[in-house]
Amino acid sequence: MNSNDTLLSIQNLQVAYGNILALQGISVEVHEGEIVTLIGANGAGKSTLLRAISGVVPIRSGKITFGGTDLGSIPAHRIVELGVAHVPEGRGIFANLTVLENLTLATWSRKDRQNLRQEYGHVFELFPRLAERQSQLAGTLSGGEQQMLAVGRALMTRGRLLLLDEPSMGLAPVLVREIFQTLRDINATGTTILLVEQNARQALKLANRGYVLETGRLTVAGPADELMDDPGVKAAYLGG
């Protein structure tokens, strides 16, 4: 799926919380059809970067371009309409709504209502457990099922770029493997993925390329297999 078409371009990005610079001159590129991962310790700025792309936090300086459109002054709901789907850390599902109602909420901006049945079918094909539980309240799902729902809901927006923040957090190893395989399947259908993930080994196995963030700065970038062999990355994030 890799191509030279730049879908997302981030140039010299700075984001601050009050007087604290969370991102200090970050530059990242994601090409159409790629899976790119951001790895780093807690507090490195990975989630902040995703929030800046999706318009949830304002940028202090720099530029974010998606599909040729400068996202700098565009509100978050319009960024969704442009094709950026964000699955935040903690999933953010509506516990008191059913699985189907959660999925339907994600279609609020869709103009092509006639294709929704096909989209539900696609999500249920990727996540058969959601099909079995579509009338169940989302708050009664297991952690793994809630993560599936969060990803499925993002897919209902028909986004070209899927931003994923810690999809494996808190999940049993067997579910982690399942989620990562599903991400591979989603990417194979043409969706580009930018992934934040504490499980650096799994993320680099999945990704085409990776970036390492340390306290708001990019320290290493390159093809995923090269990062897997990088002594510094190994020592810091891959258990030696």
C-alpha atoms as a PDB file:
ATOM      1  CA  MET A   1       0.000   0.000   0.000  1.00  0.00           C
ATOM      2  CA  ASN A   2       2.993   2.281   0.369  1.00  0.00           C
ATOM      3  CA  SER A   3       3.156   5.203  -2.018  1.00  0.00           C
ATOM      4  CA  ASN A   4       4.939   8.514  -2.411  1.00  0.00           C
ATOM      5  CA  ASP A   5       1.720  10.525  -2.089  1.00  0.00           C
ATOM      6  CA  THR A   6       1.908  12.564   1.116  1.00  0.00           C
ATOM      7  CA  LEU A   7      -1.479  12.457   2.825  1.00  0.00           C
ATOM      8  CA  LEU A   8      -0.442  14.144   6.079  1.00  0.00           C
ATOM      9  CA  SER A   9       2.389  16.643   6.452  1.00  0.00           C
ATOM     10  CA  ILE A  10       3.399  18.181   9.778  1.00  0.00           C
ATOM     11  CA  GLN A  11       6.066  20.877   9.717  1.00  0.00           C
ATOM     12  CA  ASN A  12       7.842  22.422  12.719  1.00  0.00           C
ATOM     13  CA  LEU A  13       4.824  21.914  14.958  1.00  0.00           C
ATOM     14  CA  GLN A  14       4.732  23.497  18.385  1.00  0.00           C
ATOM     15  CA  VAL A  15       1.938  22.867  20.881  1.00  0.00           C
ATOM     16  CA  ALA A  16       1.907  24.334  24.395  1.00  0.00           C
ATOM     17  CA  TYR A  17      -0.148  23.784  27.525  1.00  0.00           C
ATOM     18  CA  GLY A  18       0.176  27.150  29.235  1.00  0.00           C
ATOM     19  CA  ASN A  19       3.899  27.890  29.398  1.00  0.00           C
ATOM     20  CA  ILE A  20       4.926  24.265  28.883  1.00  0.00           C
ATOM     21  CA  LEU A  21       5.903  23.263  25.352  1.00  0.00           C
ATOM     22  CA  ALA A  22       4.466  19.778  24.765  1.00  0.00           C
ATOM     23  CA  LEU A  23       5.709  19.563  21.163  1.00  0.00           C
ATOM     24  CA  GLN A  24       8.881  21.337  20.125  1.00  0.00           C
ATOM     25  CA  GLY A  25       9.260  21.674  16.368  1.00  0.00           C
ATOM     26  CA  ILE A  26       7.915  18.279  15.283  1.00  0.00           C
ATOM     27  CA  SER A  27       7.967  17.353  11.572  1.00  0.00           C
ATOM     28  CA  VAL A  28       6.230  14.144  10.423  1.00  0.00           C
ATOM     29  CA  GLU A  29       4.995  12.809   7.087  1.00  0.00           C
ATOM     30  CA  VAL A  30       2.471  10.051   6.450  1.00  0.00           C
ATOM     31  CA  HIS A  31       2.019   8.768   2.906  1.00  0.00           C
ATOM     32  CA  GLU A  32      -1.207   7.426   1.452  1.00  0.00           C
ATOM     33  CA  GLY A  33      -1.671   3.747   2.353  1.00  0.00           C
ATOM     34  CA  GLU A  34       1.029   3.608   5.045  1.00  0.00           C
ATOM     35  CA  ILE A  35       0.951   2.554   8.667  1.00  0.00           C
ATOM     36  CA  VAL A  36       3.184   4.920  10.645  1.00  0.00           C
ATOM     37  CA  THR A  37       3.772   4.541  14.373  1.00  0.00           C
ATOM     38  CA  LEU A  38       4.804   7.021  17.047  1.00  0.00           C
ATOM     39  CA  ILE A  39       6.642   5.489  19.973  1.00  0.00           C
ATOM     40  CA  GLY A  40       7.969   7.021  23.150  1.00  0.00           C
ATOM     41  CA  ALA A  41       7.543   7.099  26.911  1.00  0.00           C
ATOM     42  CA  ASN A  42       4.454   8.468  28.671  1.00  0.00           C
ATOM     43  CA  GLY A  43       4.452  12.257  28.446  1.00  0.00           C
ATOM     44  CA  ALA A  44       6.586  12.324  25.292  1.00  0.00           C
ATOM     45  CA  GLY A  45       3.871  14.189  23.350  1.00  0.00           C
ATOM     46  CA  LYS A  46       2.439  11.353  21.236  1.00  0.00           C
ATOM     47  CA  SER A  47      -1.217  11.867  22.217  1.00  0.00           C
ATOM     48  CA  THR A  48      -0.798  15.645  21.949  1.00  0.00           C
ATOM     49  CA  LEU A  49       0.335  15.221  18.352  1.00  0.00           C
ATOM     50  CA  LEU A  50      -2.799  13.227  17.474  1.00  0.00           C
ATOM     51  CA  ARG A  51      -5.006  15.788  19.236  1.00  0.00           C
ATOM     52  CA  ALA A  52      -3.357  18.605  17.292  1.00  0.00           C
ATOM     53  CA  ILE A  53      -3.986  16.820  13.983  1.00  0.00           C
ATOM     54  CA  SER A  54      -7.670  16.297  14.812  1.00  0.00           C
ATOM     55  CA  GLY A  55      -8.111  19.892  15.989  1.00  0.00           C
ATOM     56  CA  VAL A  56      -8.758  19.087  19.648  1.00  0.00           C
ATOM     57  CA  VAL A  57      -5.814  21.172  20.889  1.00  0.00           C
ATOM     58  CA  PRO A  58      -4.647  24.419  19.258  1.00  0.00           C
ATOM     59  CA  ILE A  59      -1.210  24.698  17.713  1.00  0.00           C
ATOM     60  CA  ARG A  60       1.169  27.469  18.731  1.00  0.00           C
ATOM     61  CA  SER A  61       3.172  27.458  15.495  1.00  0.00           C
ATOM     62  CA  GLY A  62       3.997  25.270  12.526  1.00  0.00           C
ATOM     63  CA  LYS A  63       1.723  23.712   9.939  1.00  0.00           C
ATOM     64  CA  ILE A  64      -0.463  20.604   9.577  1.00  0.00           C
ATOM     65  CA  THR A  65      -1.605  19.752   6.052  1.00  0.00           C
ATOM     66  CA  PHE A  66      -3.998  16.908   5.237  1.00  0.00           C
ATOM     67  CA  GLY A  67      -4.712  16.008   1.609  1.00  0.00           C
ATOM     68  CA  GLY A  68      -3.352  19.408   0.608  1.00  0.00           C
ATOM     69  CA  THR A  69      -5.600  21.317   3.058  1.00  0.00           C
ATOM     70  CA  ASP A  70      -4.056  23.400   5.840  1.00  0.00           C
ATOM     71  CA  LEU A  71      -5.803  22.290   9.048  1.00  0.00           C
ATOM     72  CA  GLY A  72      -4.568  25.235  11.120  1.00  0.00           C
ATOM     73  CA  SER A  73      -7.818  27.186  11.381  1.00  0.00           C
ATOM     74  CA  ILE A  74     -10.304  24.364  10.720  1.00  0.00           C
ATOM     75  CA  PRO A  75     -12.539  23.259  13.640  1.00  0.00           C
ATOM     76  CA  ALA A  76     -12.430  19.636  14.816  1.00  0.00           C
ATOM     77  CA  HIS A  77     -15.814  18.624  13.367  1.00  0.00           C
ATOM     78  CA  ARG A  78     -14.775  19.850   9.915  1.00  0.00           C
ATOM     79  CA  ILE A  79     -11.503  17.897  10.161  1.00  0.00           C
ATOM     80  CA  VAL A  80     -13.611  14.751  10.661  1.00  0.00           C
ATOM     81  CA  GLU A  81     -15.597  15.639   7.539  1.00  0.00           C
ATOM     82  CA  LEU A  82     -12.329  16.025   5.596  1.00  0.00           C
ATOM     83  CA  GLY A  83     -11.495  12.390   6.409  1.00  0.00           C
ATOM     84  CA  VAL A  84      -9.537  12.249   9.688  1.00  0.00           C
ATOM     85  CA  ALA A  85     -10.938   9.716  12.209  1.00  0.00           C
ATOM     86  CA  HIS A  86      -9.514   9.750  15.749  1.00  0.00           C
ATOM     87  CA  VAL A  87      -9.770   6.869  18.240  1.00  0.00           C
ATOM     88  CA  PRO A  88      -8.631   8.482  21.505  1.00  0.00           C
ATOM     89  CA  GLU A  89      -6.935   6.787  24.419  1.00  0.00           C
ATOM     90  CA  GLY A  90      -9.650   5.550  26.772  1.00  0.00           C
ATOM     91  CA  ARG A  91     -11.958   4.758  23.822  1.00  0.00           C
ATOM     92  CA  GLY A  92     -14.571   7.456  24.545  1.00  0.00           C
ATOM     93  CA  ILE A  93     -17.592   5.310  23.768  1.00  0.00           C
ATOM     94  CA  PHE A  94     -21.112   6.183  24.974  1.00  0.00           C
ATOM     95  CA  ALA A  95     -21.740   3.610  27.686  1.00  0.00           C
ATOM     96  CA  ASN A  96     -25.501   4.173  27.915  1.00  0.00           C
ATOM     97  CA  LEU A  97     -26.071   3.669  24.169  1.00  0.00           C
ATOM     98  CA  THR A  98     -26.113   0.364  22.313  1.00  0.00           C
ATOM     99  CA  VAL A  99     -23.325  -0.809  20.032  1.00  0.00           C
ATOM    100  CA  LEU A 100     -25.432   0.057  16.985  1.00  0.00           C
ATOM    101  CA  GLU A 101     -26.310   3.509  18.351  1.00  0.00           C
ATOM    102  CA  ASN A 102     -22.612   4.231  18.976  1.00  0.00           C
ATOM    103  CA  LEU A 103     -21.818   3.296  15.385  1.00  0.00           C
ATOM    104  CA  THR A 104     -24.711   5.357  14.048  1.00  0.00           C
ATOM    105  CA  LEU A 105     -23.577   8.467  15.952  1.00  0.00           C
ATOM    106  CA  ALA A 106     -20.373   8.459  13.917  1.00  0.00           C
ATOM    107  CA  THR A 107     -22.350   8.958  10.694  1.00  0.00           C
ATOM    108  CA  TRP A 108     -23.757  12.396  11.588  1.00  0.00           C
ATOM    109  CA  SER A 109     -21.725  14.168   8.896  1.00  0.00           C
ATOM    110  CA  ARG A 110     -22.192  11.565   6.181  1.00  0.00           C
ATOM    111  CA  LYS A 111     -23.990  12.729   3.036  1.00  0.00           C
ATOM    112  CA  ASP A 112     -24.103   9.248   1.440  1.00  0.00           C
ATOM    113  CA  ARG A 113     -26.746   7.749   3.759  1.00  0.00           C
ATOM    114  CA  GLN A 114     -27.615   5.034   1.230  1.00  0.00           C
ATOM    115  CA  ASN A 115     -24.263   3.310   1.810  1.00  0.00           C
ATOM    116  CA  LEU A 116     -24.619   2.975   5.581  1.00  0.00           C
ATOM    117  CA  ARG A 117     -25.887  -0.607   5.512  1.00  0.00           C
ATOM    118  CA  GLN A 118     -22.735  -1.594   3.651  1.00  0.00           C
ATOM    119  CA  GLU A 119     -20.594   0.260   6.219  1.00  0.00           C
ATOM    120  CA  TYR A 120     -22.249  -1.497   9.161  1.00  0.00           C
ATOM    121  CA  GLY A 121     -21.608  -4.766   7.339  1.00  0.00           C
ATOM    122  CA  HIS A 122     -17.930  -3.885   6.913  1.00  0.00           C
ATOM    123  CA  VAL A 123     -17.507  -3.118  10.639  1.00  0.00           C
ATOM    124  CA  PHE A 124     -19.345  -6.307  11.657  1.00  0.00           C
ATOM    125  CA  GLU A 125     -17.197  -8.329   9.267  1.00  0.00           C
ATOM    126  CA  LEU A 126     -14.038  -6.933  10.882  1.00  0.00           C
ATOM    127  CA  PHE A 127     -15.455  -7.370  14.396  1.00  0.00           C
ATOM    128  CA  PRO A 128     -17.953 -10.292  14.463  1.00  0.00           C
ATOM    129  CA  ARG A 129     -18.365  -9.871  18.228  1.00  0.00           C
ATOM    130  CA  LEU A 130     -19.882  -6.441  17.680  1.00  0.00           C
ATOM    131  CA  ALA A 131     -22.421  -7.974  15.294  1.00  0.00           C
ATOM    132  CA  GLU A 132     -23.466 -10.395  18.025  1.00  0.00           C
ATOM    133  CA  ARG A 133     -23.776  -7.552  20.544  1.00  0.00           C
ATOM    134  CA  GLN A 134     -25.210  -4.747  18.401  1.00  0.00           C
ATOM    135  CA  SER A 135     -28.257  -4.239  20.648  1.00  0.00           C
ATOM    136  CA  GLN A 136     -26.208  -4.475  23.874  1.00  0.00           C
ATOM    137  CA  LEU A 137     -25.326  -1.359  25.895  1.00  0.00           C
ATOM    138  CA  ALA A 138     -21.731  -0.386  25.159  1.00  0.00           C
ATOM    139  CA  GLY A 139     -20.958   0.026  28.855  1.00  0.00           C
ATOM    140  CA  THR A 140     -21.559  -3.689  29.423  1.00  0.00           C
ATOM    141  CA  LEU A 141     -18.953  -4.767  26.845  1.00  0.00           C
ATOM    142  CA  SER A 142     -15.549  -6.108  27.853  1.00  0.00           C
ATOM    143  CA  GLY A 143     -12.504  -3.843  27.470  1.00  0.00           C
ATOM    144  CA  GLY A 144     -11.504  -5.556  24.250  1.00  0.00           C
ATOM    145  CA  GLU A 145     -15.004  -5.246  22.801  1.00  0.00           C
ATOM    146  CA  GLN A 146     -15.112  -1.564  23.734  1.00  0.00           C
ATOM    147  CA  GLN A 147     -11.843  -1.039  21.868  1.00  0.00           C
ATOM    148  CA  MET A 148     -13.310  -2.820  18.837  1.00  0.00           C
ATOM    149  CA  LEU A 149     -16.339  -0.520  19.053  1.00  0.00           C
ATOM    150  CA  ALA A 150     -14.140   2.578  19.247  1.00  0.00           C
ATOM    151  CA  VAL A 151     -12.259   1.521  16.102  1.00  0.00           C
ATOM    152  CA  GLY A 152     -15.483   0.476  14.356  1.00  0.00           C
ATOM    153  CA  ARG A 153     -17.095   3.817  15.146  1.00  0.00           C
ATOM    154  CA  ALA A 154     -14.122   5.669  13.644  1.00  0.00           C
ATOM    155  CA  LEU A 155     -14.418   3.552  10.486  1.00  0.00           C
ATOM    156  CA  MET A 156     -18.071   4.612  10.125  1.00  0.00           C
ATOM    157  CA  THR A 157     -16.858   8.143   9.312  1.00  0.00           C
ATOM    158  CA  ARG A 158     -15.257   6.760   6.136  1.00  0.00           C
ATOM    159  CA  GLY A 159     -12.004   8.525   7.045  1.00  0.00           C
ATOM    160  CA  ARG A 160      -8.937   8.317   4.823  1.00  0.00           C
ATOM    161  CA  LEU A 161      -6.664   8.614   7.882  1.00  0.00           C
ATOM    162  CA  LEU A 162      -7.210   6.700  11.124  1.00  0.00           C
ATOM    163  CA  LEU A 163      -5.494   8.132  14.221  1.00  0.00           C
ATOM    164  CA  LEU A 164      -5.210   5.470  16.926  1.00  0.00           C
ATOM    165  CA  ASP A 165      -4.121   6.248  20.475  1.00  0.00           C
ATOM    166  CA  GLU A 166      -3.029   3.210  22.509  1.00  0.00           C
ATOM    167  CA  PRO A 167      -5.439   0.626  21.012  1.00  0.00           C
ATOM    168  CA  SER A 168      -3.880  -2.260  22.959  1.00  0.00           C
ATOM    169  CA  MET A 169      -3.882  -0.606  26.386  1.00  0.00           C
ATOM    170  CA  GLY A 170      -5.269  -2.853  29.109  1.00  0.00           C
ATOM    171  CA  LEU A 171      -6.043  -5.748  26.783  1.00  0.00           C
ATOM    172  CA  ALA A 172      -5.082  -9.400  27.232  1.00  0.00           C
ATOM    173  CA  PRO A 173      -2.322 -10.615  24.851  1.00  0.00           C
ATOM    174  CA  VAL A 174      -4.728 -12.656  22.718  1.00  0.00           C
ATOM    175  CA  LEU A 175      -6.890  -9.552  22.158  1.00  0.00           C
ATOM    176  CA  VAL A 176      -3.830  -7.440  21.406  1.00  0.00           C
ATOM    177  CA  ARG A 177      -2.933  -9.811  18.571  1.00  0.00           C
ATOM    178  CA  GLU A 178      -6.525  -9.673  17.342  1.00  0.00           C
ATOM    179  CA  ILE A 179      -6.639  -5.866  17.345  1.00  0.00           C
ATOM    180  CA  PHE A 180      -3.318  -5.613  15.486  1.00  0.00           C
ATOM    181  CA  GLN A 181      -4.449  -8.131  12.873  1.00  0.00           C
ATOM    182  CA  THR A 182      -7.623  -6.114  12.368  1.00  0.00           C
ATOM    183  CA  LEU A 183      -5.571  -2.943  11.898  1.00  0.00           C
ATOM    184  CA  ARG A 184      -3.615  -4.800   9.206  1.00  0.00           C
ATOM    185  CA  ASP A 185      -6.932  -5.730   7.538  1.00  0.00           C
ATOM    186  CA  ILE A 186      -8.204  -2.140   7.766  1.00  0.00           C
ATOM    187  CA  ASN A 187      -5.008  -0.848   6.176  1.00  0.00           C
ATOM    188  CA  ALA A 188      -5.305  -3.447   3.398  1.00  0.00           C
ATOM    189  CA  THR A 189      -8.661  -1.914   2.393  1.00  0.00           C
ATOM    190  CA  GLY A 190      -6.935   1.436   1.786  1.00  0.00           C
ATOM    191  CA  THR A 191      -7.120   3.293   5.109  1.00  0.00           C
ATOM    192  CA  THR A 192      -3.920   5.054   6.163  1.00  0.00           C
ATOM    193  CA  ILE A 193      -3.061   4.669   9.866  1.00  0.00           C
ATOM    194  CA  LEU A 194      -1.089   6.809  12.309  1.00  0.00           C
ATOM    195  CA  LEU A 195      -0.635   4.748  15.458  1.00  0.00           C
ATOM    196  CA  VAL A 196       0.420   5.730  18.982  1.00  0.00           C
ATOM    197  CA  GLU A 197       1.273   2.585  20.915  1.00  0.00           C
ATOM    198  CA  GLN A 198       3.128   1.705  24.133  1.00  0.00           C
ATOM    199  CA  ASN A 199       3.712  -1.812  22.800  1.00  0.00           C
ATOM    200  CA  ALA A 200       6.593  -0.659  20.604  1.00  0.00           C
ATOM    201  CA  ARG A 201       7.531  -4.132  19.378  1.00  0.00           C
ATOM    202  CA  GLN A 202       4.015  -4.888  18.093  1.00  0.00           C
ATOM    203  CA  ALA A 203       3.685  -1.413  16.620  1.00  0.00           C
ATOM    204  CA  LEU A 204       6.960  -1.645  14.692  1.00  0.00           C
ATOM    205  CA  LYS A 205       6.044  -5.120  13.410  1.00  0.00           C
ATOM    206  CA  LEU A 206       2.844  -3.625  12.027  1.00  0.00           C
ATOM    207  CA  ALA A 207       4.144  -0.321  10.693  1.00  0.00           C
ATOM    208  CA  ASN A 208       5.969   0.716   7.533  1.00  0.00           C
ATOM    209  CA  ARG A 209       7.801   3.540   9.289  1.00  0.00           C
ATOM    210  CA  GLY A 210       8.180   4.930  12.781  1.00  0.00           C
ATOM    211  CA  TYR A 211       9.076   8.063  14.723  1.00  0.00           C
ATOM    212  CA  VAL A 212      10.470   8.171  18.263  1.00  0.00           C
ATOM    213  CA  LEU A 213       9.400  11.076  20.489  1.00  0.00           C
ATOM    214  CA  GLU A 214      11.217  12.083  23.667  1.00  0.00           C
ATOM    215  CA  THR A 215       9.902  14.986  25.769  1.00  0.00           C
ATOM    216  CA  GLY A 216       8.280  16.732  22.848  1.00  0.00           C
ATOM    217  CA  ARG A 217      11.087  16.263  20.341  1.00  0.00           C
ATOM    218  CA  LEU A 218      11.665  13.769  17.530  1.00  0.00           C
ATOM    219  CA  THR A 219      14.869  11.849  18.167  1.00  0.00           C
ATOM    220  CA  VAL A 220      14.823   8.991  15.636  1.00  0.00           C
ATOM    221  CA  ALA A 221      12.833   8.270  12.476  1.00  0.00           C
ATOM    222  CA  GLY A 222      13.022   5.633   9.781  1.00  0.00           C
ATOM    223  CA  PRO A 223      11.686   2.376   8.357  1.00  0.00           C
ATOM    224  CA  ALA A 224      10.140   0.209  11.070  1.00  0.00           C
ATOM    225  CA  ASP A 225      12.571  -2.684  10.565  1.00  0.00           C
ATOM    226  CA  GLU A 226      15.545  -0.322  10.965  1.00  0.00           C
ATOM    227  CA  LEU A 227      14.104   1.066  14.207  1.00  0.00           C
ATOM    228  CA  MET A 228      13.683  -2.507  15.468  1.00  0.00           C
ATOM    229  CA  ASP A 229      17.451  -2.973  14.997  1.00  0.00           C
ATOM    230  CA  ASP A 230      18.464   0.440  16.357  1.00  0.00           C
ATOM    231  CA  PRO A 231      20.456  -0.110  19.610  1.00  0.00           C
ATOM    232  CA  GLY A 232      19.006   2.986  21.297  1.00  0.00           C
ATOM    233  CA  VAL A 233      15.418   2.064  20.415  1.00  0.00           C
ATOM    234  CA  LYS A 234      16.043  -1.508  21.509  1.00  0.00           C
ATOM    235  CA  ALA A 235      17.392  -0.456  24.880  1.00  0.00           C
ATOM    236  CA  ALA A 236      14.682   2.134  25.581  1.00  0.00           C
ATOM    237  CA  TYR A 237      11.541   0.561  24.148  1.00  0.00           C
ATOM    238  CA  LEU A 238      12.079  -3.078  23.156  1.00  0.00           C
ATOM    239  CA  GLY A 239      13.506  -4.499  26.346  1.00  0.00           C
ATOM    240  CA  GLY A 240      17.113  -4.512  25.168  1.00  0.00           C
END
